[in-house]
Structure formats: structure tokens, C-alpha cells
Amino acid sequence: MGRSRYKFLENYPHFLTCTVVNWLPIFSQPRFVQIIFQSLDFLQTNQRLALHAYVIMENHLHIIASSNNLPKEIAAFKSFTARSIIDDLKGNQAEYLLKQLQFHKKFHKTAQDYQLWQEGSHPQALTNENMFLQKLEYIHNNPVRRGYVDEPAHWRYSSYRNYISQEGLLNIDILDI
């Protein structure tokens, strides 16, 4: 039983946020962004998840997604990506980051040595066009607000290009709203 006050609503796309523990800048390394992309692509290819928008920042990501069982698919995504990234860190003897992931692990997580993701994904059902457009704008302008780029199209790790009919790094399912 989840401890979160956030709930998934069936039959709606959801805005979700996944944050690295202690806001560690894991995704400043492109190989870890590739793990995120590969996992999202796998879920889409196997029709387990429809990805409508995304942005990956250095320490968190936002997505708009839908699925027949979104909580299960997000849990699988977080589990797989955490294991893959931690295995990579171990293989490359990245002791500093491993120690950080161990130090910030929740006490009740006794079956594991490390924790990559903060608990929860704070799902927000997008029940109307205004909510969808507000979250889409929020996602695509996140790198601009952070001062990383001047235009949303300049951020590689975003679905903004898909929405302006350019090729993005991931395929997305644009919703008819």
C-alpha cells in the first residue's frame, strides 16, 4: 500500500516527476540519459506505455504518459533504470556517487544497498485541455527557466522538437486535444 497522497486516475494521461535522491546530477552524464531513453522506448515499443511529452534534466525528469496500468509501468521503469545505472556505476567504480546513493537510501529499503530514485512520482491526472497544455509548457520550458538554453528547441533531452514537427530523440504519441 502506497504512502503517497498522489493517486493515479484511470483513462487519463498523467504528468509525472521522477527525481534522483538528494537531487544528485546523475543525468549530466549522457550514458545515463541513454538508459532512460532505452527504457522509455522499450515500454513504448511493447505498448506498455504511451509517452506524450518528456524532459530530462540533470537530476530529475518530467513526463506526460498514459497506460492501462501506469503505476505498474512507472514502477518497472524506475526499477529497471535504477538497477542499470547502479550497475554501470559499480562497473566504472564510481565510488563517490555510489556512496551518495547509499547514504540517501531510505532506512526501510533493507533489501537494497542503494537508492537512485526518490519515492513516488507525484502523478497528476490531466483531465482537460488546459491542464495538458499547462504541463506541456512547463515541461518544455524547464531548461529555459533553469537558464540552460534560450529556446526550448535547443534542449536535446526534450519532446519539444516533436511538437514543432522536427525529429526528436524519442518518438512520442501526440495527443489530439
Protein backbone atom coordinates (compact mmCIF):
# COMPACT_ATOMS: atom_id res chain seq x y z
CA MET A 1 0.00 0.00 0.00
CA GLY A 2 1.47 3.33 -1.07
CA ARG A 3 2.07 6.12 1.40
CA SER A 4 1.56 8.89 -1.15
CA ARG A 5 -1.33 11.32 -1.21
CA TYR A 6 -1.00 11.31 -5.00
CA LYS A 7 -3.24 8.92 -6.91
CA PHE A 8 -3.49 7.67 -10.46
CA LEU A 9 -6.83 8.11 -12.23
CA GLU A 10 -7.76 5.59 -14.90
CA ASN A 11 -8.27 6.67 -18.51
CA TYR A 12 -6.29 9.93 -18.28
CA PRO A 13 -2.74 10.86 -19.25
CA HIS A 14 -0.67 11.84 -16.24
CA PHE A 15 2.07 14.35 -15.58
CA LEU A 16 4.78 12.60 -13.56
CA THR A 17 8.06 13.66 -11.98
CA CYS A 18 10.90 11.28 -11.14
CA THR A 19 13.67 12.79 -9.04
CA VAL A 20 17.09 11.41 -8.15
CA VAL A 21 17.75 11.13 -4.41
CA ASN A 22 19.26 14.30 -2.96
CA TRP A 23 18.94 15.85 -6.41
CA LEU A 24 22.24 14.28 -7.49
CA PRO A 25 23.13 15.31 -11.09
CA ILE A 26 23.19 11.77 -12.47
CA PHE A 27 21.84 12.77 -15.89
CA SER A 28 24.66 15.19 -16.56
CA GLN A 29 26.31 12.04 -17.95
CA PRO A 30 24.79 11.21 -21.37
CA ARG A 31 25.18 7.44 -20.91
CA PHE A 32 22.62 7.57 -18.09
CA VAL A 33 20.20 9.59 -20.21
CA GLN A 34 20.56 6.81 -22.81
CA ILE A 35 19.38 4.28 -20.20
CA ILE A 36 16.28 6.44 -19.63
CA PHE A 37 15.66 6.68 -23.37
CA GLN A 38 16.13 2.96 -23.93
CA SER A 39 13.72 2.11 -21.13
CA LEU A 40 11.04 4.54 -22.34
CA ASP A 41 11.48 3.28 -25.90
CA PHE A 42 11.11 -0.33 -24.71
CA LEU A 43 7.89 0.48 -22.86
CA GLN A 44 6.51 2.24 -25.93
CA THR A 45 7.59 -0.44 -28.41
CA ASN A 46 5.95 -3.12 -26.29
CA GLN A 47 2.79 -0.99 -25.98
CA ARG A 48 3.06 -0.81 -22.21
CA LEU A 49 3.15 2.99 -22.13
CA ALA A 50 2.28 5.90 -24.41
CA LEU A 51 4.72 8.78 -23.99
CA HIS A 52 3.17 12.16 -24.81
CA ALA A 53 5.92 14.54 -23.62
CA TYR A 54 9.18 14.50 -21.69
CA VAL A 55 12.13 16.47 -20.46
CA ILE A 56 15.21 15.09 -18.77
CA MET A 57 17.16 17.48 -16.59
CA GLU A 58 20.39 16.77 -14.72
CA ASN A 59 18.66 15.38 -11.60
CA HIS A 60 15.02 14.73 -12.49
CA LEU A 61 12.67 14.12 -15.35
CA HIS A 62 9.10 15.03 -16.18
CA ILE A 63 6.87 13.03 -18.47
CA ILE A 64 3.29 13.01 -19.64
CA ALA A 65 2.29 9.40 -20.20
CA SER A 66 -0.67 7.08 -20.29
CA SER A 67 -1.04 3.34 -19.91
CA ASN A 68 -3.55 0.67 -18.99
CA ASN A 69 -1.58 0.25 -15.76
CA LEU A 70 0.51 3.38 -15.35
CA PRO A 71 1.56 2.78 -11.70
CA LYS A 72 2.95 -0.64 -12.62
CA GLU A 73 4.78 0.64 -15.69
CA ILE A 74 6.34 3.60 -13.86
CA ALA A 75 7.46 1.26 -11.07
CA ALA A 76 9.03 -1.06 -13.66
CA PHE A 77 10.68 1.91 -15.38
CA LYS A 78 12.17 3.22 -12.14
CA SER A 79 13.31 -0.24 -11.03
CA PHE A 80 14.97 -1.09 -14.34
CA THR A 81 16.67 2.29 -14.78
CA ALA A 82 17.90 2.33 -11.17
CA ARG A 83 19.39 -1.15 -11.49
CA SER A 84 21.01 -0.33 -14.84
CA ILE A 85 22.52 2.94 -13.62
CA ILE A 86 23.76 1.44 -10.36
CA ASP A 87 25.30 -1.50 -12.24
CA ASP A 88 27.07 0.96 -14.53
CA LEU A 89 28.34 2.97 -11.55
CA LYS A 90 29.65 -0.22 -9.94
CA GLY A 91 31.30 -1.35 -13.18
CA ASN A 92 33.02 2.02 -13.52
CA GLN A 93 33.94 2.18 -9.84
CA ALA A 94 32.16 5.48 -9.33
CA GLU A 95 32.60 5.33 -5.57
CA TYR A 96 31.55 8.89 -4.80
CA LEU A 97 28.15 8.55 -6.47
CA LEU A 98 27.62 5.06 -5.07
CA LYS A 99 28.31 6.35 -1.56
CA GLN A 100 25.81 9.16 -2.12
CA LEU A 101 23.15 6.70 -3.34
CA GLN A 102 23.85 4.54 -0.30
CA PHE A 103 23.81 7.43 2.17
CA HIS A 104 20.49 8.81 0.87
CA LYS A 105 18.74 5.43 0.77
CA LYS A 106 15.61 5.30 2.91
CA PHE A 107 16.03 3.24 6.09
CA HIS A 108 13.12 0.94 5.27
CA LYS A 109 14.76 -0.10 1.97
CA THR A 110 16.56 -3.00 3.61
CA ALA A 111 16.65 -5.29 0.56
CA GLN A 112 18.95 -2.99 -1.40
CA ASP A 113 22.25 -1.22 -0.88
CA TYR A 114 21.48 1.88 -2.95
CA GLN A 115 18.55 4.08 -3.90
CA LEU A 116 18.59 6.07 -7.12
CA TRP A 117 15.06 7.50 -7.29
CA GLN A 118 13.13 9.34 -4.62
CA GLU A 119 9.96 7.51 -3.71
CA GLY A 120 6.85 8.34 -5.70
CA SER A 121 6.29 10.09 -8.99
CA HIS A 122 3.64 12.64 -7.91
CA PRO A 123 1.12 11.73 -10.65
CA GLN A 124 -1.28 14.44 -11.72
CA ALA A 125 -4.13 13.35 -13.97
CA LEU A 126 -4.59 15.70 -16.91
CA THR A 127 -8.35 15.75 -17.15
CA ASN A 128 -8.76 18.62 -19.61
CA GLU A 129 -7.03 20.50 -22.39
CA ASN A 130 -5.94 23.43 -20.20
CA MET A 131 -4.21 21.15 -17.71
CA PHE A 132 -2.46 19.28 -20.52
CA LEU A 133 -1.25 22.47 -22.20
CA GLN A 134 -0.04 23.95 -18.89
CA LYS A 135 2.02 20.83 -18.09
CA LEU A 136 3.32 20.58 -21.65
CA GLU A 137 4.52 24.20 -21.47
CA TYR A 138 6.04 23.54 -18.03
CA ILE A 139 7.95 20.50 -19.32
CA HIS A 140 9.28 22.15 -22.45
CA ASN A 141 10.31 25.38 -20.74
CA ASN A 142 12.02 23.74 -17.76
CA PRO A 143 15.54 24.08 -19.30
CA VAL A 144 14.80 27.70 -20.27
CA ARG A 145 13.65 28.58 -16.74
CA ARG A 146 16.82 26.97 -15.37
CA GLY A 147 18.93 29.16 -17.67
CA TYR A 148 20.46 26.23 -19.59
CA VAL A 149 19.15 27.31 -23.01
CA ASP A 150 17.44 30.33 -24.52
CA GLU A 151 14.89 28.35 -26.54
CA PRO A 152 13.14 25.05 -25.70
CA ALA A 153 14.21 23.57 -29.07
CA HIS A 154 17.86 23.87 -28.02
CA TRP A 155 17.49 21.30 -25.21
CA ARG A 156 18.31 17.85 -26.62
CA TYR A 157 16.53 15.85 -23.95
CA SER A 158 13.00 17.11 -24.53
CA SER A 159 9.99 16.34 -26.70
CA TYR A 160 9.68 19.99 -27.74
CA ARG A 161 11.12 19.24 -31.20
CA ASN A 162 8.48 16.57 -31.76
CA TYR A 163 5.81 19.23 -31.17
CA ILE A 164 7.26 21.60 -33.76
CA SER A 165 7.48 18.86 -36.42
CA GLN A 166 11.21 18.25 -36.05
CA GLU A 167 12.85 14.95 -35.25
CA GLY A 168 13.21 14.30 -31.54
CA LEU A 169 15.40 11.77 -29.78
CA LEU A 170 12.37 9.69 -28.76
CA ASN A 171 9.13 9.02 -30.55
CA ILE A 172 6.10 10.38 -28.75
CA ASP A 173 2.36 9.98 -29.11
CA ILE A 174 0.97 13.47 -29.60
CA LEU A 175 -2.49 13.68 -28.08
CA ASP A 176 -5.36 15.08 -30.06
CA ILE A 177 -6.70 17.72 -27.68
